[in-house]
Amino acid sequence: VQLQASGGGLVQPGGSLRLSCVVSGNILSVNAAGWFRQAPGLPREWVASITYNGMSSYAGSLAGRFAISRDAKNTVFLQMNGLGPEDTAVYYCRAEVANASGIVAVYWGQGTLVTVSS
C-alpha cells in the first residue's frame, strides 16, 4: 500500500491550494483518512479527517477555510482557502487501509510542502 500526496507549492497569502492523496496497492478498502501538517520546528499536528462514509472533522478553526473530501477511487483531497503564513508546513496524508486479506493498518504519505508567502 502506498500513499502519494501532491498539490503543494508556493502560494500568496489569501490564495488557495488543493492537495490530493492517492492510495494505491493491494487494497480492499480505505477506511478513515486524514491530513496532518508539520511546520518548521514544531510537532506534527492533525488538520482534518474523513470517515469511510464521508463524515469530516477539523482542527480548531480550520473548518471555515479547509475542506476534506474523498472520491470513490481511493483519493483524499484537502481544499485550502484563505491561506496565511501560519499554514506554511509539510502536509501529510494518513489513511487506515484494509488490504485484500482484510488486515487493517495505518499508512502515511511522503508529505507535500505548502509555502505561503508574498
Protein backbone atom coordinates (compact mmCIF):
# COMPACT_ATOMS: atom_id res chain seq x y z
CA VAL A 1 0.00 0.00 0.00
CA GLN A 2 1.28 3.44 -0.92
CA LEU A 3 0.04 6.96 -0.31
CA GLN A 4 1.13 9.61 -2.79
CA ALA A 5 0.48 13.20 -1.76
CA SER A 6 0.66 16.06 -4.21
CA GLY A 7 -0.57 19.59 -4.82
CA GLY A 8 1.70 21.58 -2.57
CA GLY A 9 3.58 24.63 -3.70
CA LEU A 10 4.14 28.33 -3.20
CA VAL A 11 1.04 30.47 -2.85
CA GLN A 12 0.47 34.07 -1.87
CA PRO A 13 -1.41 34.97 1.31
CA GLY A 14 -5.12 34.68 0.73
CA GLY A 15 -4.65 32.12 -2.00
CA SER A 16 -5.87 28.54 -2.33
CA LEU A 17 -4.43 25.11 -2.91
CA ARG A 18 -5.93 21.67 -3.33
CA LEU A 19 -3.93 18.74 -2.02
CA SER A 20 -4.50 15.21 -3.24
CA CYS A 21 -3.56 11.87 -1.72
CA VAL A 22 -3.84 8.78 -3.87
CA VAL A 23 -3.98 5.47 -2.03
CA SER A 24 -2.81 2.58 -4.17
CA GLY A 25 -1.79 -1.02 -3.84
CA ASN A 26 -3.40 -4.23 -2.66
CA ILE A 27 -6.44 -2.50 -1.19
CA LEU A 28 -9.75 -3.86 -0.03
CA SER A 29 -10.96 -0.55 1.37
CA VAL A 30 -9.77 2.84 2.59
CA ASN A 31 -11.38 3.49 5.93
CA ALA A 32 -10.72 6.75 7.78
CA ALA A 33 -8.27 9.14 6.16
CA GLY A 34 -6.84 12.45 7.17
CA TRP A 35 -4.33 15.20 6.76
CA PHE A 36 -1.66 16.34 9.17
CA ARG A 37 0.91 19.09 8.90
CA GLN A 38 4.27 19.92 10.37
CA ALA A 39 5.63 23.43 10.40
CA PRO A 40 9.37 24.03 10.82
CA GLY A 41 10.46 23.43 14.38
CA LEU A 42 7.04 22.28 15.50
CA PRO A 43 5.49 18.86 16.08
CA ARG A 44 3.18 17.30 13.53
CA GLU A 45 -0.43 18.32 14.10
CA TRP A 46 -3.74 17.00 12.95
CA VAL A 47 -5.59 19.07 10.34
CA ALA A 48 -8.67 17.15 9.22
CA SER A 49 -10.16 13.67 8.94
CA ILE A 50 -12.86 11.99 6.94
CA THR A 51 -14.58 8.70 7.66
CA TYR A 52 -15.38 5.90 5.25
CA ASN A 53 -18.87 7.30 4.72
CA GLY A 54 -17.73 10.90 4.31
CA MET A 55 -18.15 12.47 7.72
CA SER A 56 -15.47 15.11 8.24
CA SER A 57 -13.88 16.79 11.22
CA TYR A 58 -11.36 19.59 11.55
CA ALA A 59 -8.85 21.01 13.97
CA GLY A 60 -9.72 24.30 15.63
CA SER A 61 -10.93 26.98 13.29
CA LEU A 62 -9.75 25.32 10.10
CA ALA A 63 -13.26 24.17 9.18
CA GLY A 64 -14.00 27.62 7.82
CA ARG A 65 -11.06 27.58 5.44
CA PHE A 66 -10.23 23.91 4.80
CA ALA A 67 -12.41 21.16 3.37
CA ILE A 68 -11.55 17.48 3.26
CA SER A 69 -13.23 15.16 0.79
CA ARG A 70 -12.74 11.81 -0.88
CA ASP A 71 -13.79 10.12 -4.06
CA ALA A 72 -14.66 6.56 -4.97
CA LYS A 73 -11.20 5.91 -6.37
CA ASN A 74 -9.28 5.98 -3.09
CA THR A 75 -8.21 9.60 -3.37
CA VAL A 76 -8.48 12.04 -0.50
CA PHE A 77 -8.44 15.79 -1.06
CA LEU A 78 -7.79 18.84 1.08
CA GLN A 79 -9.08 22.12 -0.29
CA MET A 80 -7.37 25.01 1.46
CA ASN A 81 -8.65 28.56 1.07
CA GLY A 82 -7.62 31.86 2.60
CA LEU A 83 -4.12 30.61 3.24
CA GLY A 84 -1.84 32.56 5.52
CA PRO A 85 1.83 32.28 6.50
CA GLU A 86 0.77 30.23 9.53
CA ASP A 87 -0.34 27.48 7.15
CA THR A 88 3.18 27.00 5.84
CA ALA A 89 4.10 23.40 6.56
CA VAL A 90 4.69 19.99 5.11
CA TYR A 91 1.30 18.34 4.74
CA TYR A 92 1.00 14.59 5.20
CA CYS A 93 -1.88 12.32 4.38
CA ARG A 94 -2.69 9.35 6.56
CA ALA A 95 -5.08 6.52 5.84
CA GLU A 96 -6.40 3.44 7.57
CA VAL A 97 -6.38 0.78 4.88
CA ALA A 98 -7.70 -2.76 4.76
CA ASN A 99 -5.68 -4.89 2.38
CA ALA A 100 -7.02 -7.74 0.29
CA SER A 101 -6.51 -10.10 3.23
CA GLY A 102 -8.63 -7.91 5.43
CA ILE A 103 -5.75 -6.75 7.57
CA VAL A 104 -6.12 -3.11 8.62
CA ALA A 105 -3.10 -0.88 9.04
CA VAL A 106 -2.29 2.83 9.06
CA TYR A 107 -0.16 4.29 6.32
CA TRP A 108 1.41 7.72 5.77
CA GLY A 109 2.21 9.59 2.60
CA GLN A 110 5.54 11.24 1.98
CA GLY A 111 4.39 14.81 2.53
CA THR A 112 3.91 17.78 0.25
CA LEU A 113 5.28 21.22 1.07
CA VAL A 114 2.96 24.21 1.23
CA THR A 115 4.61 27.61 1.45
CA VAL A 116 2.50 30.72 1.91
CA SER A 117 4.49 33.83 1.19
CA SER A 118 4.36 37.02 -0.80
